[in-house]
């Protein structure tokens, strides 16, 4: 009889809606998206990028760190990546 008492609880829990991902797994189109896809997503998911909201200084520090860890960007590519990240993932509006 105890299992019959648990059945309503279990079915109510299993009927709970699935959690949605709060951050996109897809990088939005824009000038520089190919560089970000080719150089950043090699080591981590795009969702790690899409959840960030940094100003230009924050993105600059992040990209410099990634370059120290092995990301290979020439200066023109570096600037293009920073511009893309700030444009698409800049500070969140207040």
PDB file of N, CA and C in Angstrom:
ATOM      1  N   UNK A   1       0.807  -1.193   0.000  1.00  0.00           N
ATOM      2  CA  UNK A   1       0.000   0.000   0.000  1.00  0.00           C
ATOM      3  C   UNK A   1       0.855   1.263   0.000  1.00  0.00           C
ATOM      4  N   UNK A   2       2.040   1.190   0.561  1.00  0.00           N
ATOM      5  CA  UNK A   2       2.888   2.369   0.628  1.00  0.00           C
ATOM      6  C   UNK A   2       3.257   2.852  -0.768  1.00  0.00           C
ATOM      7  N   UNK A   3       3.460   1.932  -1.708  1.00  0.00           N
ATOM      8  CA  UNK A   3       3.829   2.354  -3.060  1.00  0.00           C
ATOM      9  C   UNK A   3       2.688   3.105  -3.737  1.00  0.00           C
ATOM     10  N   UNK A   4       1.437   2.773  -3.422  1.00  0.00           N
ATOM     11  CA  UNK A   4       0.297   3.490  -3.990  1.00  0.00           C
ATOM     12  C   UNK A   4       0.264   4.921  -3.471  1.00  0.00           C
ATOM     13  N   UNK A   5       0.676   5.137  -2.247  1.00  0.00           N
ATOM     14  CA  UNK A   5       0.688   6.480  -1.676  1.00  0.00           C
ATOM     15  C   UNK A   5       1.782   7.340  -2.326  1.00  0.00           C
ATOM     16  N   UNK A   6       2.855   6.717  -2.763  1.00  0.00           N
ATOM     17  CA  UNK A   6       3.948   7.455  -3.397  1.00  0.00           C
ATOM     18  C   UNK A   6       3.674   7.767  -4.862  1.00  0.00           C
ATOM     19  N   UNK A   7       2.821   7.005  -5.501  1.00  0.00           N
ATOM     20  CA  UNK A   7       2.582   7.178  -6.929  1.00  0.00           C
ATOM     21  C   UNK A   7       2.160   8.596  -7.307  1.00  0.00           C
ATOM     22  N   UNK A   8       1.243   9.248  -6.603  1.00  0.00           N
ATOM     23  CA  UNK A   8       0.877  10.606  -7.003  1.00  0.00           C
ATOM     24  C   UNK A   8       2.060  11.576  -6.916  1.00  0.00           C
ATOM     25  N   UNK A   9       2.897  11.429  -5.918  1.00  0.00           N
ATOM     26  CA  UNK A   9       4.062  12.309  -5.792  1.00  0.00           C
ATOM     27  C   UNK A   9       5.031  12.117  -6.947  1.00  0.00           C
ATOM     28  N   UNK A  10       5.309  10.873  -7.277  1.00  0.00           N
ATOM     29  CA  UNK A  10       6.244  10.600  -8.354  1.00  0.00           C
ATOM     30  C   UNK A  10       5.720  11.114  -9.681  1.00  0.00           C
ATOM     31  N   UNK A  11       4.455  10.906  -9.959  1.00  0.00           N
ATOM     32  CA  UNK A  11       3.927  11.372 -11.233  1.00  0.00           C
ATOM     33  C   UNK A  11       3.871  12.893 -11.277  1.00  0.00           C
ATOM     34  N   UNK A  12       3.645  13.543 -10.162  1.00  0.00           N
ATOM     35  CA  UNK A  12       3.626  15.005 -10.136  1.00  0.00           C
ATOM     36  C   UNK A  12       5.029  15.553 -10.381  1.00  0.00           C
ATOM     37  N   UNK A  13       6.052  14.884  -9.836  1.00  0.00           N
ATOM     38  CA  UNK A  13       7.419  15.327 -10.048  1.00  0.00           C
ATOM     39  C   UNK A  13       7.853  15.107 -11.492  1.00  0.00           C
ATOM     40  N   UNK A  14       7.479  13.988 -12.058  1.00  0.00           N
ATOM     41  CA  UNK A  14       7.898  13.703 -13.424  1.00  0.00           C
ATOM     42  C   UNK A  14       7.163  14.576 -14.434  1.00  0.00           C
ATOM     43  N   UNK A  15       6.032  15.160 -14.045  1.00  0.00           N
ATOM     44  CA  UNK A  15       5.274  16.023 -14.941  1.00  0.00           C
ATOM     45  C   UNK A  15       5.805  17.455 -14.936  1.00  0.00           C
ATOM     46  N   UNK A  16       6.810  17.738 -14.126  1.00  0.00           N
ATOM     47  CA  UNK A  16       7.372  19.083 -14.067  1.00  0.00           C
ATOM     48  C   UNK A  16       7.963  19.454 -15.422  1.00  0.00           C
ATOM     49  N   UNK A  17       7.837  20.707 -15.828  1.00  0.00           N
ATOM     50  CA  UNK A  17       8.373  21.113 -17.129  1.00  0.00           C
ATOM     51  C   UNK A  17       9.901  21.009 -17.157  1.00  0.00           C
ATOM     52  N   UNK A  18      10.428  20.703 -18.311  1.00  0.00           N
ATOM     53  CA  UNK A  18      11.878  20.596 -18.469  1.00  0.00           C
ATOM     54  C   UNK A  18      12.506  21.976 -18.327  1.00  0.00           C
ATOM     55  N   UNK A  19      13.688  22.019 -17.738  1.00  0.00           N
ATOM     56  CA  UNK A  19      14.405  23.286 -17.590  1.00  0.00           C
ATOM     57  C   UNK A  19      14.912  23.734 -18.958  1.00  0.00           C
ATOM     58  N   UNK A  20      14.768  24.996 -19.227  1.00  0.00           N
ATOM     59  CA  UNK A  20      15.278  25.544 -20.471  1.00  0.00           C
ATOM     60  C   UNK A  20      16.688  26.077 -20.251  1.00  0.00           C
ATOM     61  N   UNK A  21      17.499  26.020 -21.283  1.00  0.00           N
ATOM     62  CA  UNK A  21      18.834  26.582 -21.207  1.00  0.00           C
ATOM     63  C   UNK A  21      18.709  28.098 -21.211  1.00  0.00           C
ATOM     64  N   UNK A  22      19.268  28.775 -20.216  1.00  0.00           N
ATOM     65  CA  UNK A  22      19.129  30.232 -20.178  1.00  0.00           C
ATOM     66  C   UNK A  22      20.017  30.945 -21.191  1.00  0.00           C
ATOM     67  N   UNK A  23      21.015  30.283 -21.720  1.00  0.00           N
ATOM     68  CA  UNK A  23      21.953  30.910 -22.639  1.00  0.00           C
ATOM     69  C   UNK A  23      22.000  30.129 -23.940  1.00  0.00           C
ATOM     70  N   UNK A  24      22.141  30.860 -25.027  1.00  0.00           N
ATOM     71  CA  UNK A  24      22.173  30.249 -26.343  1.00  0.00           C
ATOM     72  C   UNK A  24      23.445  29.426 -26.531  1.00  0.00           C
ATOM     73  N   UNK A  25      23.308  28.349 -27.281  1.00  0.00           N
ATOM     74  CA  UNK A  25      24.469  27.535 -27.642  1.00  0.00           C
ATOM     75  C   UNK A  25      24.983  27.935 -29.025  1.00  0.00           C
ATOM     76  N   UNK A  26      24.344  28.941 -29.621  1.00  0.00           N
ATOM     77  CA  UNK A  26      24.689  29.373 -30.969  1.00  0.00           C
ATOM     78  C   UNK A  26      25.197  30.808 -30.915  1.00  0.00           C
ATOM     79  N   UNK A  27      26.312  31.062 -31.575  1.00  0.00           N
ATOM     80  CA  UNK A  27      26.836  32.417 -31.655  1.00  0.00           C
ATOM     81  C   UNK A  27      26.029  33.205 -32.685  1.00  0.00           C
ATOM     82  N   UNK A  28      25.615  34.413 -32.351  1.00  0.00           N
ATOM     83  CA  UNK A  28      24.849  35.196 -33.317  1.00  0.00           C
ATOM     84  C   UNK A  28      25.726  35.651 -34.476  1.00  0.00           C
ATOM     85  N   UNK A  29      25.132  35.818 -35.655  1.00  0.00           N
ATOM     86  CA  UNK A  29      25.923  36.254 -36.801  1.00  0.00           C
ATOM     87  C   UNK A  29      26.499  37.648 -36.581  1.00  0.00           C
ATOM     88  N   UNK A  30      27.595  37.914 -37.247  1.00  0.00           N
ATOM     89  CA  UNK A  30      28.219  39.224 -37.161  1.00  0.00           C
ATOM     90  C   UNK A  30      29.653  39.163 -37.628  1.00  0.00           C
ATOM     91  N   UNK A  31      30.216  40.316 -37.861  1.00  0.00           N
ATOM     92  CA  UNK A  31      31.598  40.399 -38.306  1.00  0.00           C
ATOM     93  C   UNK A  31      32.514  39.883 -37.198  1.00  0.00           C
ATOM     94  N   UNK A  32      33.187  38.796 -37.435  1.00  0.00           N
ATOM     95  CA  UNK A  32      34.081  38.197 -36.448  1.00  0.00           C
ATOM     96  C   UNK A  32      33.597  36.867 -35.915  1.00  0.00           C
ATOM     97  N   UNK A  33      32.365  36.483 -36.232  1.00  0.00           N
ATOM     98  CA  UNK A  33      31.823  35.230 -35.694  1.00  0.00           C
ATOM     99  C   UNK A  33      32.647  34.026 -36.147  1.00  0.00           C
ATOM    100  N   UNK A  34      33.179  34.068 -37.374  1.00  0.00           N
ATOM    101  CA  UNK A  34      33.982  32.945 -37.869  1.00  0.00           C
ATOM    102  C   UNK A  34      35.268  32.797 -37.054  1.00  0.00           C
ATOM    103  N   UNK A  35      35.880  33.926 -36.718  1.00  0.00           N
ATOM    104  CA  UNK A  35      37.108  33.878 -35.909  1.00  0.00           C
ATOM    105  C   UNK A  35      36.835  33.332 -34.512  1.00  0.00           C
ATOM    106  N   UNK A  36      35.735  33.765 -33.922  1.00  0.00           N
ATOM    107  CA  UNK A  36      35.379  33.277 -32.590  1.00  0.00           C
ATOM    108  C   UNK A  36      35.089  31.781 -32.658  1.00  0.00           C
ATOM    109  N   UNK A  37      34.347  31.376 -33.677  1.00  0.00           N
ATOM    110  CA  UNK A  37      34.044  29.961 -33.835  1.00  0.00           C
ATOM    111  C   UNK A  37      35.284  29.117 -34.064  1.00  0.00           C
ATOM    112  N   UNK A  38      36.225  29.639 -34.838  1.00  0.00           N
ATOM    113  CA  UNK A  38      37.430  28.872 -35.178  1.00  0.00           C
ATOM    114  C   UNK A  38      38.464  28.873 -34.059  1.00  0.00           C
ATOM    115  N   UNK A  39      38.490  29.918 -33.242  1.00  0.00           N
ATOM    116  CA  UNK A  39      39.558  30.039 -32.245  1.00  0.00           C
ATOM    117  C   UNK A  39      39.106  29.834 -30.808  1.00  0.00           C
ATOM    118  N   UNK A  40      37.885  30.111 -30.510  1.00  0.00           N
ATOM    119  CA  UNK A  40      37.422  30.035 -29.120  1.00  0.00           C
ATOM    120  C   UNK A  40      36.684  28.729 -28.824  1.00  0.00           C
ATOM    121  N   UNK A  41      35.865  28.303 -29.765  1.00  0.00           N
ATOM    122  CA  UNK A  41      35.024  27.136 -29.537  1.00  0.00           C
ATOM    123  C   UNK A  41      35.819  25.837 -29.689  1.00  0.00           C
ATOM    124  N   UNK A  42      37.078  25.953 -30.042  1.00  0.00           N
ATOM    125  CA  UNK A  42      37.938  24.769 -30.065  1.00  0.00           C
ATOM    126  C   UNK A  42      38.132  24.210 -28.661  1.00  0.00           C
ATOM    127  N   UNK A  43      38.163  25.107 -27.672  1.00  0.00           N
ATOM    128  CA  UNK A  43      38.475  24.690 -26.305  1.00  0.00           C
ATOM    129  C   UNK A  43      37.272  24.667 -25.370  1.00  0.00           C
ATOM    130  N   UNK A  44      36.271  25.454 -25.661  1.00  0.00           N
ATOM    131  CA  UNK A  44      35.085  25.472 -24.799  1.00  0.00           C
ATOM    132  C   UNK A  44      33.848  25.729 -25.629  1.00  0.00           C
ATOM    133  N   UNK A  45      32.707  25.517 -25.036  1.00  0.00           N
ATOM    134  CA  UNK A  45      31.450  25.667 -25.761  1.00  0.00           C
ATOM    135  C   UNK A  45      31.139  27.132 -26.025  1.00  0.00           C
ATOM    136  N   UNK A  46      30.322  27.357 -27.031  1.00  0.00           N
ATOM    137  CA  UNK A  46      29.894  28.727 -27.326  1.00  0.00           C
ATOM    138  C   UNK A  46      29.007  29.264 -26.207  1.00  0.00           C
ATOM    139  N   UNK A  47      28.355  28.371 -25.465  1.00  0.00           N
ATOM    140  CA  UNK A  47      27.506  28.818 -24.365  1.00  0.00           C
ATOM    141  C   UNK A  47      28.320  29.542 -23.295  1.00  0.00           C
ATOM    142  N   UNK A  48      29.567  29.171 -23.132  1.00  0.00           N
ATOM    143  CA  UNK A  48      30.421  29.878 -22.178  1.00  0.00           C
ATOM    144  C   UNK A  48      30.597  31.336 -22.602  1.00  0.00           C
ATOM    145  N   UNK A  49      30.634  31.572 -23.896  1.00  0.00           N
ATOM    146  CA  UNK A  49      30.756  32.934 -24.408  1.00  0.00           C
ATOM    147  C   UNK A  49      29.428  33.667 -24.278  1.00  0.00           C
ATOM    148  N   UNK A  50      28.338  33.025 -24.682  1.00  0.00           N
ATOM    149  CA  UNK A  50      27.034  33.705 -24.732  1.00  0.00           C
ATOM    150  C   UNK A  50      26.517  34.096 -23.352  1.00  0.00           C
ATOM    151  N   UNK A  51      27.022  33.502 -22.308  1.00  0.00           N
ATOM    152  CA  UNK A  51      26.557  33.851 -20.963  1.00  0.00           C
ATOM    153  C   UNK A  51      27.327  35.026 -20.370  1.00  0.00           C
ATOM    154  N   UNK A  52      28.363  35.467 -21.057  1.00  0.00           N
ATOM    155  CA  UNK A  52      29.183  36.565 -20.552  1.00  0.00           C
ATOM    156  C   UNK A  52      28.612  37.910 -21.018  1.00  0.00           C
ATOM    157  N   UNK A  53      28.770  38.923 -20.213  1.00  0.00           N
ATOM    158  CA  UNK A  53      28.410  40.300 -20.578  1.00  0.00           C
ATOM    159  C   UNK A  53      29.497  41.194 -20.019  1.00  0.00           C
ATOM    160  N   UNK A  54      30.532  41.412 -20.837  1.00  0.00           N
ATOM    161  CA  UNK A  54      31.685  42.173 -20.376  1.00  0.00           C
ATOM    162  C   UNK A  54      31.845  43.430 -21.218  1.00  0.00           C
ATOM    163  N   UNK A  55      32.479  44.422 -20.635  1.00  0.00           N
ATOM    164  CA  UNK A  55      32.815  45.607 -21.413  1.00  0.00           C
ATOM    165  C   UNK A  55      34.097  45.320 -22.195  1.00  0.00           C
ATOM    166  N   UNK A  56      34.576  46.311 -22.945  1.00  0.00           N
ATOM    167  CA  UNK A  56      35.744  46.081 -23.796  1.00  0.00           C
ATOM    168  C   UNK A  56      36.976  45.690 -22.982  1.00  0.00           C
ATOM    169  N   UNK A  57      37.133  46.257 -21.800  1.00  0.00           N
ATOM    170  CA  UNK A  57      38.273  45.901 -20.950  1.00  0.00           C
ATOM    171  C   UNK A  57      38.176  44.453 -20.491  1.00  0.00           C
ATOM    172  N   UNK A  58      36.996  44.038 -20.099  1.00  0.00           N
ATOM    173  CA  UNK A  58      36.790  42.657 -19.658  1.00  0.00           C
ATOM    174  C   UNK A  58      37.057  41.656 -20.769  1.00  0.00           C
ATOM    175  N   UNK A  59      36.549  41.946 -21.987  1.00  0.00           N
ATOM    176  CA  UNK A  59      36.793  41.035 -23.104  1.00  0.00           C
ATOM    177  C   UNK A  59      38.265  41.041 -23.499  1.00  0.00           C
ATOM    178  N   UNK A  60      38.890  42.208 -23.437  1.00  0.00           N
ATOM    179  CA  UNK A  60      40.320  42.290 -23.762  1.00  0.00           C
ATOM    180  C   UNK A  60      41.126  41.398 -22.816  1.00  0.00           C
ATOM    181  N   UNK A  61      40.861  41.482 -21.532  1.00  0.00           N
ATOM    182  CA  UNK A  61      41.576  40.646 -20.558  1.00  0.00           C
ATOM    183  C   UNK A  61      41.318  39.162 -20.808  1.00  0.00           C
ATOM    184  N   UNK A  62      40.076  38.827 -21.121  1.00  0.00           N
ATOM    185  CA  UNK A  62      39.721  37.428 -21.366  1.00  0.00           C
ATOM    186  C   UNK A  62      40.437  36.894 -22.596  1.00  0.00           C
ATOM    187  N   UNK A  63      40.416  37.644 -23.678  1.00  0.00           N
ATOM    188  CA  UNK A  63      41.053  37.186 -24.908  1.00  0.00           C
ATOM    189  C   UNK A  63      42.569  37.109 -24.726  1.00  0.00           C
ATOM    190  N   UNK A  64      43.157  38.060 -24.027  1.00  0.00           N
ATOM    191  CA  UNK A  64      44.595  37.980 -23.750  1.00  0.00           C
ATOM    192  C   UNK A  64      44.926  36.722 -22.954  1.00  0.00           C
ATOM    193  N   UNK A  65      44.096  36.383 -21.989  1.00  0.00           N
ATOM    194  CA  UNK A  65      44.304  35.162 -21.209  1.00  0.00           C
ATOM    195  C   UNK A  65      44.210  33.934 -22.107  1.00  0.00           C
ATOM    196  N   UNK A  66      43.220  33.913 -22.982  1.00  0.00           N
ATOM    197  CA  UNK A  66      43.063  32.774 -23.896  1.00  0.00           C
ATOM    198  C   UNK A  66      44.274  32.671 -24.835  1.00  0.00           C
ATOM    199  N   UNK A  67      44.821  33.801 -25.240  1.00  0.00           N
ATOM    200  CA  UNK A  67      46.022  33.780 -26.082  1.00  0.00           C
ATOM    201  C   UNK A  67      47.218  33.233 -25.308  1.00  0.00           C
ATOM    202  N   UNK A  68      47.327  33.587 -24.039  1.00  0.00           N
ATOM    203  CA  UNK A  68      48.414  33.028 -23.214  1.00  0.00           C
ATOM    204  C   UNK A  68      48.243  31.518 -23.058  1.00  0.00           C
ATOM    205  N   UNK A  69      46.990  31.052 -23.092  1.00  0.00           N
ATOM    206  CA  UNK A  69      46.712  29.630 -22.952  1.00  0.00           C
ATOM    207  C   UNK A  69      46.742  28.884 -24.282  1.00  0.00           C
ATOM    208  N   UNK A  70      47.036  29.606 -25.378  1.00  0.00           N
ATOM    209  CA  UNK A  70      47.219  28.905 -26.641  1.00  0.00           C
ATOM    210  C   UNK A  70      46.392  29.368 -27.820  1.00  0.00           C
ATOM    211  N   UNK A  71      45.411  30.235 -27.637  1.00  0.00           N
ATOM    212  CA  UNK A  71      44.653  30.737 -28.785  1.00  0.00           C
ATOM    213  C   UNK A  71      45.603  31.547 -29.665  1.00  0.00           C
ATOM    214  N   UNK A  72      45.564  31.286 -30.954  1.00  0.00           N
ATOM    215  CA  UNK A  72      46.498  31.946 -31.871  1.00  0.00           C
ATOM    216  C   UNK A  72      45.748  32.953 -32.730  1.00  0.00           C
ATOM    217  N   UNK A  73      45.883  34.210 -32.368  1.00  0.00           N
ATOM    218  CA  UNK A  73      45.270  35.299 -33.131  1.00  0.00           C
ATOM    219  C   UNK A  73      46.351  36.302 -33.507  1.00  0.00           C
ATOM    220  N   UNK A  74      46.350  36.714 -34.759  1.00  0.00           N
ATOM    221  CA  UNK A  74      47.240  37.811 -35.162  1.00  0.00           C
ATOM    222  C   UNK A  74      46.558  39.105 -34.724  1.00  0.00           C
ATOM    223  N   UNK A  75      47.299  40.219 -34.654  1.00  0.00           N
ATOM    224  CA  UNK A  75      46.707  41.464 -34.135  1.00  0.00           C
ATOM    225  C   UNK A  75      45.391  41.883 -34.800  1.00  0.00           C
ATOM    226  N   UNK A  76      45.282  41.757 -36.129  1.00  0.00           N
ATOM    227  CA  UNK A  76      44.025  42.131 -36.788  1.00  0.00           C
ATOM    228  C   UNK A  76      42.877  41.229 -36.338  1.00  0.00           C
ATOM    229  N   UNK A  77      43.153  39.941 -36.189  1.00  0.00           N
ATOM    230  CA  UNK A  77      42.124  39.007 -35.733  1.00  0.00           C
ATOM    231  C   UNK A  77      41.743  39.298 -34.287  1.00  0.00           C
ATOM    232  N   UNK A  78      42.734  39.610 -33.470  1.00  0.00           N
ATOM    233  CA  UNK A  78      42.489  39.937 -32.063  1.00  0.00           C
ATOM    234  C   UNK A  78      41.486  41.095 -31.964  1.00  0.00           C
ATOM    235  N   UNK A  79      41.739  42.154 -32.705  1.00  0.00           N
ATOM    236  CA  UNK A  79      40.863  43.328 -32.672  1.00  0.00           C
ATOM    237  C   UNK A  79      39.464  42.985 -33.167  1.00  0.00           C
ATOM    238  N   UNK A  80      39.370  42.149 -34.184  1.00  0.00           N
ATOM    239  CA  UNK A  80      38.065  41.760 -34.738  1.00  0.00           C
ATOM    240  C   UNK A  80      37.282  40.905 -33.736  1.00  0.00           C
ATOM    241  N   UNK A  81      37.971  40.012 -33.045  1.00  0.00           N
ATOM    242  CA  UNK A  81      37.321  39.173 -32.024  1.00  0.00           C
ATOM    243  C   UNK A  81      36.784  40.051 -30.887  1.00  0.00           C
ATOM    244  N   UNK A  82      37.604  40.985 -30.426  1.00  0.00           N
ATOM    245  CA  UNK A  82      37.173  41.879 -29.345  1.00  0.00           C
ATOM    246  C   UNK A  82      35.952  42.683 -29.783  1.00  0.00           C
ATOM    247  N   UNK A  83      35.986  43.246 -30.995  1.00  0.00           N
ATOM    248  CA  UNK A  83      34.861  44.043 -31.497  1.00  0.00           C
ATOM    249  C   UNK A  83      33.587  43.199 -31.561  1.00  0.00           C
ATOM    250  N   UNK A  84      33.693  41.963 -32.031  1.00  0.00           N
ATOM    251  CA  UNK A  84      32.527  41.074 -32.092  1.00  0.00           C
ATOM    252  C   UNK A  84      31.990  40.785 -30.695  1.00  0.00           C
ATOM    253  N   UNK A  85      32.865  40.426 -29.784  1.00  0.00           N
ATOM    254  CA  UNK A  85      32.431  40.070 -28.427  1.00  0.00           C
ATOM    255  C   UNK A  85      31.766  41.251 -27.720  1.00  0.00           C
ATOM    256  N   UNK A  86      32.310  42.433 -27.884  1.00  0.00           N
ATOM    257  CA  UNK A  86      31.716  43.626 -27.243  1.00  0.00           C
ATOM    258  C   UNK A  86      30.372  43.935 -27.884  1.00  0.00           C
ATOM    259  N   UNK A  87      30.289  43.820 -29.210  1.00  0.00           N
ATOM    260  CA  UNK A  87      29.039  44.128 -29.902  1.00  0.00           C
ATOM    261  C   UNK A  87      27.929  43.148 -29.548  1.00  0.00           C
ATOM    262  N   UNK A  88      28.261  41.882 -29.455  1.00  0.00           N
ATOM    263  CA  UNK A  88      27.247  40.845 -29.215  1.00  0.00           C
ATOM    264  C   UNK A  88      27.059  40.487 -27.747  1.00  0.00           C
ATOM    265  N   UNK A  89      28.105  40.641 -26.953  1.00  0.00           N
ATOM    266  CA  UNK A  89      28.065  40.222 -25.547  1.00  0.00           C
ATOM    267  C   UNK A  89      28.655  41.269 -24.641  1.00  0.00           C
ATOM    268  N   UNK A  90      28.326  42.519 -24.919  1.00  0.00           N
ATOM    269  CA  UNK A  90      28.764  43.624 -24.074  1.00  0.00           C
ATOM    270  C   UNK A  90      27.978  43.638 -22.769  1.00  0.00           C
ATOM    271  N   UNK A  91      28.172  44.677 -21.981  1.00  0.00           N
ATOM    272  CA  UNK A  91      27.473  44.757 -20.704  1.00  0.00           C
ATOM    273  C   UNK A  91      25.962  44.653 -20.875  1.00  0.00           C
ATOM    274  N   UNK A  92      25.334  43.919 -19.998  1.00  0.00           N
ATOM    275  CA  UNK A  92      23.880  43.783 -20.024  1.00  0.00           C
ATOM    276  C   UNK A  92      23.241  45.115 -19.664  1.00  0.00           C
ATOM    277  N   UNK A  93      22.135  45.457 -20.318  1.00  0.00           N
ATOM    278  CA  UNK A  93      21.473  46.715 -19.963  1.00  0.00           C
ATOM    279  C   UNK A  93      20.973  46.671 -18.515  1.00  0.00           C
ATOM    280  N   UNK A  94      20.990  47.840 -17.856  1.00  0.00           N
ATOM    281  CA  UNK A  94      20.565  47.870 -16.441  1.00  0.00           C
ATOM    282  C   UNK A  94      19.104  47.513 -16.251  1.00  0.00           C
TER     283      UNK A  94
END
